């Protein structure tokens, strides 16, 4: 009995000791989680792919969509991985994740799932500055202007995927004018000689229920020297400053007034186009009607959508510098018009002072007419600094 009891006691002691040792050596189990879950179908494309691990670190995460690799980023401790972009519609995804456990081994997990097809797609119909702008060098007032080919409603999702990089970072923000037009401008004019890169990562981005972006877009451009023209309709002169120094002072004749439509609009205009020849027609009177006119003018720089130009006007040279006789344009001499069209960049500010008719923010590129506070009211995300342009 004593021997049996002693043996039983020894066995129990040995058993307890073995249990403690096994628990100490095994530790927490390394596990991998993948979201979305394996086998899911018809997923909302705007969701990201996420991979995580406990009691280990991710050695490798490989994701493919429609046979193409999907980029992602790891957390600093490599316990999490997240796709750089949301999923795209109508694709099958495969995920393979490998994690290292604390004991030196590895754990692997795979998952497959698919997204719902898009009912329709959208894209950018117009992107300014355009590739046709000479050398894509533009003025310090140049906004980035997008027009979508379909109305969009998920402004937050879209704005979150619009990126502006600049060699001289500036504070800026997007502004929605309606469901098809969104514009970016800095708080202040761009610094001269800044290189800018705009990227719209819209492929697969939700624009509205069942509607997703069909592709990405990119545009590189350069801000030129700073040139700002100020036309004063009371002094009848337009001073032109380049890089902070006055280089020209043109005699001008502006809108004659009398009725509001014949005043030149006051405010910050931008040079919108440069045209060798422009045929100007009265906007509110047809042939045979009172006030009708049709005039061919040369060396024109357009500054609004309401028919305002800086242009050559040999017929009003005698009035330039002393009287306002135009229908709303800024008249200059043929010689000065040739200089102005040659030395003006698209996006150069042309500021008009001294008239009771104000330029609307939606008239042409009158976006600088809004105060910064008003501009931000129509942004879905807060103002931020542009990210540095690294290459």
Protein backbone atom coordinates (compact mmCIF):
# COMPACT_ATOMS: atom_id res chain seq x y z
CA UNK A 1 0.00 0.00 0.00
CA UNK A 2 2.74 2.41 0.88
CA UNK A 3 4.73 1.61 -2.25
CA UNK A 4 1.61 1.95 -4.39
CA UNK A 5 0.72 5.22 -2.75
CA UNK A 6 4.24 6.51 -3.30
CA UNK A 7 4.20 5.47 -6.93
CA UNK A 8 0.82 7.13 -7.40
CA UNK A 9 2.12 10.30 -5.75
CA UNK A 10 5.21 10.23 -8.00
CA UNK A 11 3.06 9.69 -11.07
CA UNK A 12 0.78 12.59 -10.14
CA UNK A 13 3.76 14.84 -9.51
CA UNK A 14 5.29 13.85 -12.83
CA UNK A 15 1.99 14.45 -14.62
CA UNK A 16 1.56 17.91 -13.12
CA UNK A 17 5.10 18.84 -14.03
CA UNK A 18 4.64 17.72 -17.62
CA UNK A 19 1.41 19.74 -18.01
CA UNK A 20 3.08 22.93 -16.81
CA UNK A 21 6.02 22.45 -19.16
CA UNK A 22 3.76 21.87 -22.19
CA UNK A 23 1.74 24.98 -21.49
CA UNK A 24 4.85 27.10 -21.16
CA UNK A 25 6.36 25.94 -24.44
CA UNK A 26 3.27 26.15 -26.63
CA UNK A 27 2.27 29.81 -25.93
CA UNK A 28 -0.42 31.70 -27.93
CA UNK A 29 -1.23 30.31 -31.36
CA UNK A 30 -0.37 32.41 -34.44
CA UNK A 31 -3.51 33.12 -36.45
CA UNK A 32 -4.23 35.02 -39.69
CA UNK A 33 -7.45 36.89 -40.42
CA UNK A 34 -8.49 38.00 -43.91
CA UNK A 35 -11.26 40.46 -44.72
CA UNK A 36 -13.47 40.01 -46.76
CA UNK A 37 -14.21 36.44 -45.72
CA UNK A 38 -13.38 33.47 -47.90
CA UNK A 39 -16.03 32.56 -50.46
CA UNK A 40 -17.99 35.81 -50.35
CA UNK A 41 -19.50 37.05 -53.63
CA UNK A 42 -21.16 40.24 -54.83
CA UNK A 43 -19.15 42.39 -52.41
CA UNK A 44 -19.36 46.18 -52.49
CA UNK A 45 -16.30 47.24 -54.53
CA UNK A 46 -15.54 50.26 -52.35
CA UNK A 47 -14.33 48.03 -49.48
CA UNK A 48 -10.59 47.55 -48.82
CA UNK A 49 -8.84 44.21 -48.33
CA UNK A 50 -7.32 43.74 -44.86
CA UNK A 51 -5.07 41.03 -43.47
CA UNK A 52 -4.00 40.71 -39.83
CA UNK A 53 -2.14 38.32 -37.58
CA UNK A 54 -1.96 37.65 -33.84
CA UNK A 55 1.07 36.29 -31.97
CA UNK A 56 3.26 36.63 -35.05
CA UNK A 57 4.21 38.89 -37.95
CA UNK A 58 3.27 38.87 -41.59
CA UNK A 59 6.10 37.64 -43.80
CA UNK A 60 4.27 38.02 -47.06
CA UNK A 61 0.84 38.96 -48.40
CA UNK A 62 0.06 38.32 -52.06
CA UNK A 63 -3.20 39.57 -53.52
CA UNK A 64 -4.31 39.26 -57.14
CA UNK A 65 -7.39 40.61 -58.88
CA UNK A 66 -8.27 39.32 -62.32
CA UNK A 67 -4.75 37.90 -62.48
CA UNK A 68 -3.08 41.24 -61.73
CA UNK A 69 -1.20 42.06 -58.48
CA UNK A 70 -2.87 44.31 -55.93
CA UNK A 71 -0.63 46.74 -54.02
CA UNK A 72 -0.85 47.14 -50.27
CA UNK A 73 0.98 48.47 -47.24
CA UNK A 74 2.11 46.83 -43.99
CA UNK A 75 1.84 48.35 -40.54
CA UNK A 76 5.14 49.25 -38.86
CA UNK A 77 5.11 46.04 -36.78
CA UNK A 78 3.95 43.94 -39.77
CA UNK A 79 0.90 42.64 -37.92
CA UNK A 80 -1.49 44.31 -40.42
CA UNK A 81 -1.71 44.68 -44.21
CA UNK A 82 -4.19 46.84 -46.09
CA UNK A 83 -4.77 47.28 -49.82
CA UNK A 84 -3.73 50.70 -51.05
CA UNK A 85 -7.02 51.08 -52.88
CA UNK A 86 -10.58 49.82 -52.57
CA UNK A 87 -11.55 46.78 -54.60
CA UNK A 88 -12.74 47.19 -58.18
CA UNK A 89 -16.12 46.03 -59.45
CA UNK A 90 -16.66 42.71 -61.23
CA UNK A 91 -13.38 41.04 -60.24
CA UNK A 92 -12.36 37.83 -58.48
CA UNK A 93 -9.71 38.22 -55.79
CA UNK A 94 -7.28 35.73 -54.30
CA UNK A 95 -5.27 36.30 -51.14
CA UNK A 96 -2.34 34.28 -49.81
CA UNK A 97 -0.90 35.37 -46.46
CA UNK A 98 2.11 33.87 -44.65
CA UNK A 99 2.93 34.74 -41.03
CA UNK A 100 5.93 33.83 -38.89
CA UNK A 101 5.19 32.44 -35.44
CA UNK A 102 7.39 33.15 -32.40
CA UNK A 103 8.82 29.63 -32.47
CA UNK A 104 10.35 30.06 -35.92
CA UNK A 105 7.63 28.29 -37.90
CA UNK A 106 5.14 29.74 -40.39
CA UNK A 107 1.39 29.78 -40.82
CA UNK A 108 -0.31 30.21 -44.19
CA UNK A 109 -3.88 31.08 -45.08
CA UNK A 110 -5.65 31.67 -48.39
CA UNK A 111 -8.95 33.26 -49.34
CA UNK A 112 -10.94 33.98 -52.49
CA UNK A 113 -13.90 36.30 -53.01
CA UNK A 114 -15.46 38.48 -55.72
CA UNK A 115 -17.05 41.90 -56.11
CA UNK A 116 -20.33 42.97 -57.67
CA UNK A 117 -20.30 44.28 -61.22
CA UNK A 118 -20.79 48.00 -61.83
CA UNK A 119 -24.17 48.99 -63.18
CA UNK A 120 -22.44 51.90 -64.98
CA UNK A 121 -19.10 53.72 -64.99
CA UNK A 122 -17.98 57.33 -64.98
CA UNK A 123 -14.87 59.20 -66.02
CA UNK A 124 -13.39 62.66 -66.43
CA UNK A 125 -14.73 64.42 -69.51
CA UNK A 126 -12.53 67.51 -69.22
CA UNK A 127 -9.29 67.98 -67.26
CA UNK A 128 -7.66 71.43 -67.14
CA UNK A 129 -4.94 72.50 -67.55
CA UNK A 130 -5.10 70.61 -70.83
CA UNK A 131 -2.33 68.89 -72.71
CA UNK A 132 -2.72 71.48 -75.44
CA UNK A 133 -1.53 74.31 -73.18
CA UNK A 134 1.89 75.29 -74.49
CA UNK A 135 4.44 73.11 -72.77
CA UNK A 136 1.94 72.75 -69.94
CA UNK A 137 3.47 75.83 -68.35
CA UNK A 138 0.69 77.95 -66.84
CA UNK A 139 0.17 81.05 -64.75
CA UNK A 140 0.21 81.36 -60.97
CA UNK A 141 -3.59 81.53 -60.80
CA UNK A 142 -4.24 78.29 -62.68
CA UNK A 143 -6.79 76.01 -60.98
CA UNK A 144 -7.14 72.27 -61.59
CA UNK A 145 -10.62 71.83 -63.07
CA UNK A 146 -12.46 68.54 -63.55
CA UNK A 147 -15.73 67.90 -65.36
CA UNK A 148 -17.15 64.39 -65.02
CA UNK A 149 -19.03 62.72 -67.85
CA UNK A 150 -21.89 61.73 -65.51
CA UNK A 151 -23.34 63.34 -62.38
CA UNK A 152 -21.71 61.97 -59.22
CA UNK A 153 -23.15 61.92 -55.71
CA UNK A 154 -20.44 60.33 -53.57
CA UNK A 155 -18.29 63.45 -53.40
CA UNK A 156 -16.35 62.32 -50.33
CA UNK A 157 -15.23 59.08 -51.99
CA UNK A 158 -14.13 60.92 -55.12
CA UNK A 159 -12.41 63.81 -53.34
CA UNK A 160 -10.50 61.36 -51.17
CA UNK A 161 -8.94 59.93 -54.34
CA UNK A 162 -7.85 63.23 -55.92
CA UNK A 163 -4.19 63.95 -55.15
CA UNK A 164 -2.13 67.09 -55.78
CA UNK A 165 1.65 67.08 -55.36
CA UNK A 166 3.80 70.19 -55.67
CA UNK A 167 7.53 70.90 -55.56
CA UNK A 168 6.63 73.91 -53.38
CA UNK A 169 3.81 72.57 -51.16
CA UNK A 170 0.85 74.92 -50.72
CA UNK A 171 -2.39 74.89 -48.76
CA UNK A 172 -5.27 74.12 -51.09
CA UNK A 173 -8.72 72.56 -51.33
CA UNK A 174 -11.28 71.19 -53.77
CA UNK A 175 -14.58 73.00 -54.34
CA UNK A 176 -17.71 71.39 -55.80
CA UNK A 177 -19.75 73.68 -58.06
CA UNK A 178 -22.27 70.97 -58.89
CA UNK A 179 -22.41 67.18 -59.33
CA UNK A 180 -20.20 67.28 -62.41
CA UNK A 181 -17.66 70.04 -61.73
CA UNK A 182 -15.00 70.18 -59.02
CA UNK A 183 -12.08 72.62 -58.89
CA UNK A 184 -8.84 72.76 -56.88
CA UNK A 185 -7.03 75.97 -56.08
CA UNK A 186 -4.48 77.02 -53.49
CA UNK A 187 -5.35 79.46 -50.73
CA UNK A 188 -2.99 81.94 -52.41
CA UNK A 189 -1.50 81.99 -55.90
CA UNK A 190 0.94 79.19 -56.72
CA UNK A 191 4.59 80.05 -56.08
CA UNK A 192 6.35 80.78 -59.35
CA UNK A 193 8.20 77.89 -61.01
CA UNK A 194 6.39 75.21 -58.99
CA UNK A 195 6.09 71.76 -60.57
CA UNK A 196 2.68 70.18 -60.01
CA UNK A 197 1.40 66.64 -60.46
CA UNK A 198 -2.29 65.82 -60.28
CA UNK A 199 -3.47 62.21 -59.96
CA UNK A 200 -7.07 61.02 -59.91
CA UNK A 201 -7.15 57.40 -58.72
CA UNK A 202 -10.72 56.84 -59.84
CA UNK A 203 -10.63 53.28 -61.16
CA UNK A 204 -13.11 51.33 -59.04
CA UNK A 205 -14.01 54.37 -56.91
CA UNK A 206 -17.70 54.73 -56.12
CA UNK A 207 -19.33 57.77 -57.73
CA UNK A 208 -22.96 56.92 -57.03
CA UNK A 209 -25.09 53.84 -56.33
CA UNK A 210 -23.86 51.15 -58.71
CA UNK A 211 -21.54 53.59 -60.55
CA UNK A 212 -17.75 53.31 -60.35
CA UNK A 213 -14.77 55.02 -61.94
CA UNK A 214 -13.49 53.37 -65.10
CA UNK A 215 -9.85 54.55 -65.07
CA UNK A 216 -7.15 56.65 -63.41
CA UNK A 217 -5.94 60.03 -64.70
CA UNK A 218 -2.75 62.04 -64.29
CA UNK A 219 -1.50 65.43 -65.40
CA UNK A 220 1.86 67.13 -64.87
CA UNK A 221 2.30 70.85 -65.36
CA UNK A 222 4.61 73.69 -64.35
CA UNK A 223 3.81 77.11 -62.93
CA UNK A 224 5.72 79.75 -64.85
CA UNK A 225 6.97 83.14 -63.73
CA UNK A 226 4.53 85.26 -61.74
CA UNK A 227 2.75 87.75 -64.01
CA UNK A 228 -0.23 89.71 -62.69
CA UNK A 229 -2.02 92.38 -64.72
CA UNK A 230 -4.21 95.01 -63.04
CA UNK A 231 -6.54 96.99 -65.29
CA UNK A 232 -8.08 100.06 -63.65
CA UNK A 233 -11.11 101.35 -65.54
CA UNK A 234 -10.93 104.73 -63.74
CA UNK A 235 -7.29 105.50 -64.56
CA UNK A 236 -7.66 103.80 -67.97
CA UNK A 237 -4.36 101.92 -67.62
CA UNK A 238 -3.31 98.32 -67.12
CA UNK A 239 -0.15 97.73 -65.11
CA UNK A 240 1.67 94.45 -65.58
CA UNK A 241 3.93 93.11 -62.84
CA UNK A 242 6.31 90.23 -63.39
CA UNK A 243 7.89 88.56 -60.38
CA UNK A 244 6.93 91.56 -58.27
CA UNK A 245 8.27 94.28 -60.59
CA UNK A 246 6.25 96.44 -62.98
CA UNK A 247 7.28 95.84 -66.58
CA UNK A 248 4.43 97.45 -68.56
CA UNK A 249 1.73 100.11 -68.16
CA UNK A 250 -0.70 100.01 -71.10
CA UNK A 251 -3.28 102.69 -71.87
CA UNK A 252 -6.67 100.94 -72.10
CA UNK A 253 -10.31 101.55 -72.84
CA UNK A 254 -12.82 99.41 -70.93
CA UNK A 255 -16.59 98.91 -70.94
CA UNK A 256 -18.56 102.09 -71.60
CA UNK A 257 -21.23 101.34 -68.99
CA UNK A 258 -24.61 103.01 -69.23
CA UNK A 259 -26.24 99.59 -68.87
CA UNK A 260 -24.77 96.89 -66.64
CA UNK A 261 -23.89 94.52 -69.48
CA UNK A 262 -21.60 97.15 -71.00
CA UNK A 263 -19.39 97.39 -67.92
CA UNK A 264 -16.27 95.26 -67.73
CA UNK A 265 -16.64 92.90 -64.77
CA UNK A 266 -14.48 93.78 -61.77
CA UNK A 267 -12.52 91.08 -60.00
CA UNK A 268 -9.82 88.47 -60.46
CA UNK A 269 -10.02 87.04 -63.95
CA UNK A 270 -7.66 84.47 -65.42
CA UNK A 271 -6.33 84.25 -68.95
CA UNK A 272 -8.43 81.42 -70.43
CA UNK A 273 -7.26 81.31 -74.04
CA UNK A 274 -5.07 83.10 -76.55
CA UNK A 275 -6.59 83.57 -79.99
CA UNK A 276 -5.05 85.12 -83.10
CA UNK A 277 -8.49 85.96 -84.50
CA UNK A 278 -11.85 86.20 -82.71
CA UNK A 279 -15.23 87.10 -84.21
CA UNK A 280 -17.24 88.97 -81.60
CA UNK A 281 -21.03 89.13 -81.86
CA UNK A 282 -23.49 90.98 -79.65
CA UNK A 283 -24.81 88.51 -77.05
CA UNK A 284 -28.24 90.08 -76.67
CA UNK A 285 -29.17 91.31 -80.17
CA UNK A 286 -29.47 89.60 -83.53
CA UNK A 287 -28.97 90.91 -87.08
CA UNK A 288 -31.27 93.83 -87.78
CA UNK A 289 -31.93 94.49 -84.11
CA UNK A 290 -30.87 97.55 -82.16
CA UNK A 291 -27.45 97.08 -80.59
CA UNK A 292 -26.38 94.27 -82.93
CA UNK A 293 -22.72 94.10 -83.86
CA UNK A 294 -20.27 91.61 -85.33
CA UNK A 295 -16.60 92.50 -85.22
CA UNK A 296 -13.45 90.60 -86.11
CA UNK A 297 -10.65 91.35 -83.68
CA UNK A 298 -7.04 90.20 -83.49
CA UNK A 299 -4.56 89.12 -80.82
CA UNK A 300 -7.11 88.37 -78.14
CA UNK A 301 -6.75 86.96 -74.62
CA UNK A 302 -10.03 85.70 -73.22
CA UNK A 303 -10.72 86.44 -69.53
CA UNK A 304 -14.36 85.37 -68.95
CA UNK A 305 -17.28 83.43 -70.37
CA UNK A 306 -19.35 86.60 -70.82
CA UNK A 307 -17.42 87.76 -73.87
CA UNK A 308 -14.60 89.72 -72.22
CA UNK A 309 -11.15 89.83 -73.82
CA UNK A 310 -8.01 91.88 -73.76
CA UNK A 311 -7.60 92.59 -77.48
CA UNK A 312 -6.27 94.80 -80.21
CA UNK A 313 -8.57 97.77 -80.93
CA UNK A 314 -7.00 100.17 -83.44
CA UNK A 315 -10.32 102.06 -83.67
CA UNK A 316 -10.16 103.13 -80.01
CA UNK A 317 -6.47 104.06 -79.70
CA UNK A 318 -7.48 107.72 -79.29
CA UNK A 319 -9.70 106.78 -76.33
CA UNK A 320 -7.20 104.45 -74.68
CA UNK A 321 -5.77 106.10 -71.59
CA UNK A 322 -8.68 108.55 -71.16
CA UNK A 323 -12.14 107.07 -71.93
CA UNK A 324 -14.13 103.84 -71.73
CA UNK A 325 -15.85 103.11 -75.05
CA UNK A 326 -15.98 99.30 -75.44
CA UNK A 327 -18.89 96.90 -74.96
CA UNK A 328 -17.03 95.32 -72.03
CA UNK A 329 -13.66 94.21 -73.37
CA UNK A 330 -10.32 95.76 -72.48
CA UNK A 331 -9.08 97.57 -75.60
CA UNK A 332 -5.34 98.03 -76.15
CA UNK A 333 -3.31 99.18 -79.13
CA UNK A 334 -2.30 96.65 -81.81
CA UNK A 335 1.32 96.82 -80.67
CA UNK A 336 0.42 96.24 -77.01
CA UNK A 337 -2.01 93.45 -77.94
CA UNK A 338 0.75 91.60 -79.79
CA UNK A 339 3.01 91.89 -76.74
CA UNK A 340 0.25 90.78 -74.36
CA UNK A 341 -0.80 87.66 -76.25
CA UNK A 342 2.84 86.65 -76.72
CA UNK A 343 3.76 87.18 -73.05
CA UNK A 344 0.63 85.85 -71.32
CA UNK A 345 0.29 82.30 -69.99
CA UNK A 346 -3.01 80.50 -69.58
CA UNK A 347 -3.87 81.01 -65.91
CA UNK A 348 -2.21 84.41 -65.53
CA UNK A 349 -4.36 86.66 -63.29
CA UNK A 350 -5.93 89.70 -64.96
CA UNK A 351 -7.47 91.85 -62.25
CA UNK A 352 -10.05 94.48 -63.22
CA UNK A 353 -10.83 97.37 -60.87
CA UNK A 354 -13.27 100.27 -60.80
CA UNK A 355 -16.62 99.05 -62.15
CA UNK A 356 -19.94 98.29 -60.41
CA UNK A 357 -20.35 94.95 -62.22
CA UNK A 358 -18.72 92.12 -60.30
CA UNK A 359 -17.29 88.97 -61.85
CA UNK A 360 -19.15 85.87 -60.67
CA UNK A 361 -17.12 82.90 -59.40
CA UNK A 362 -18.82 80.75 -62.02
CA UNK A 363 -18.11 83.12 -64.92
CA UNK A 364 -15.27 81.48 -66.78
CA UNK A 365 -12.45 80.77 -64.35
CA UNK A 366 -13.48 83.37 -61.79
CA UNK A 367 -12.71 80.96 -58.95
CA UNK A 368 -10.45 83.43 -57.12
CA UNK A 369 -13.48 85.65 -56.57
CA UNK A 370 -14.54 83.54 -53.58
CA UNK A 371 -12.90 84.15 -50.22
CA UNK A 372 -11.00 81.21 -48.78
CA UNK A 373 -13.71 80.70 -46.18
CA UNK A 374 -16.43 80.57 -48.83
CA UNK A 375 -14.31 78.29 -50.99
CA UNK A 376 -14.01 75.74 -48.17
CA UNK A 377 -17.78 75.62 -47.63
CA UNK A 378 -18.08 73.54 -50.79
CA UNK A 379 -15.22 71.17 -50.07
CA UNK A 380 -16.12 67.75 -48.69
CA UNK A 381 -12.72 67.33 -47.00
CA UNK A 382 -10.70 69.86 -45.04
CA UNK A 383 -8.07 72.07 -46.64
CA UNK A 384 -4.62 70.54 -46.57
CA UNK A 385 -1.09 71.05 -47.77
CA UNK A 386 -0.27 69.49 -51.10
CA UNK A 387 2.13 66.60 -50.70
CA UNK A 388 5.75 67.10 -51.80
CA UNK A 389 6.58 66.21 -55.40
CA UNK A 390 9.43 63.73 -55.12
CA UNK A 391 10.16 63.00 -58.76
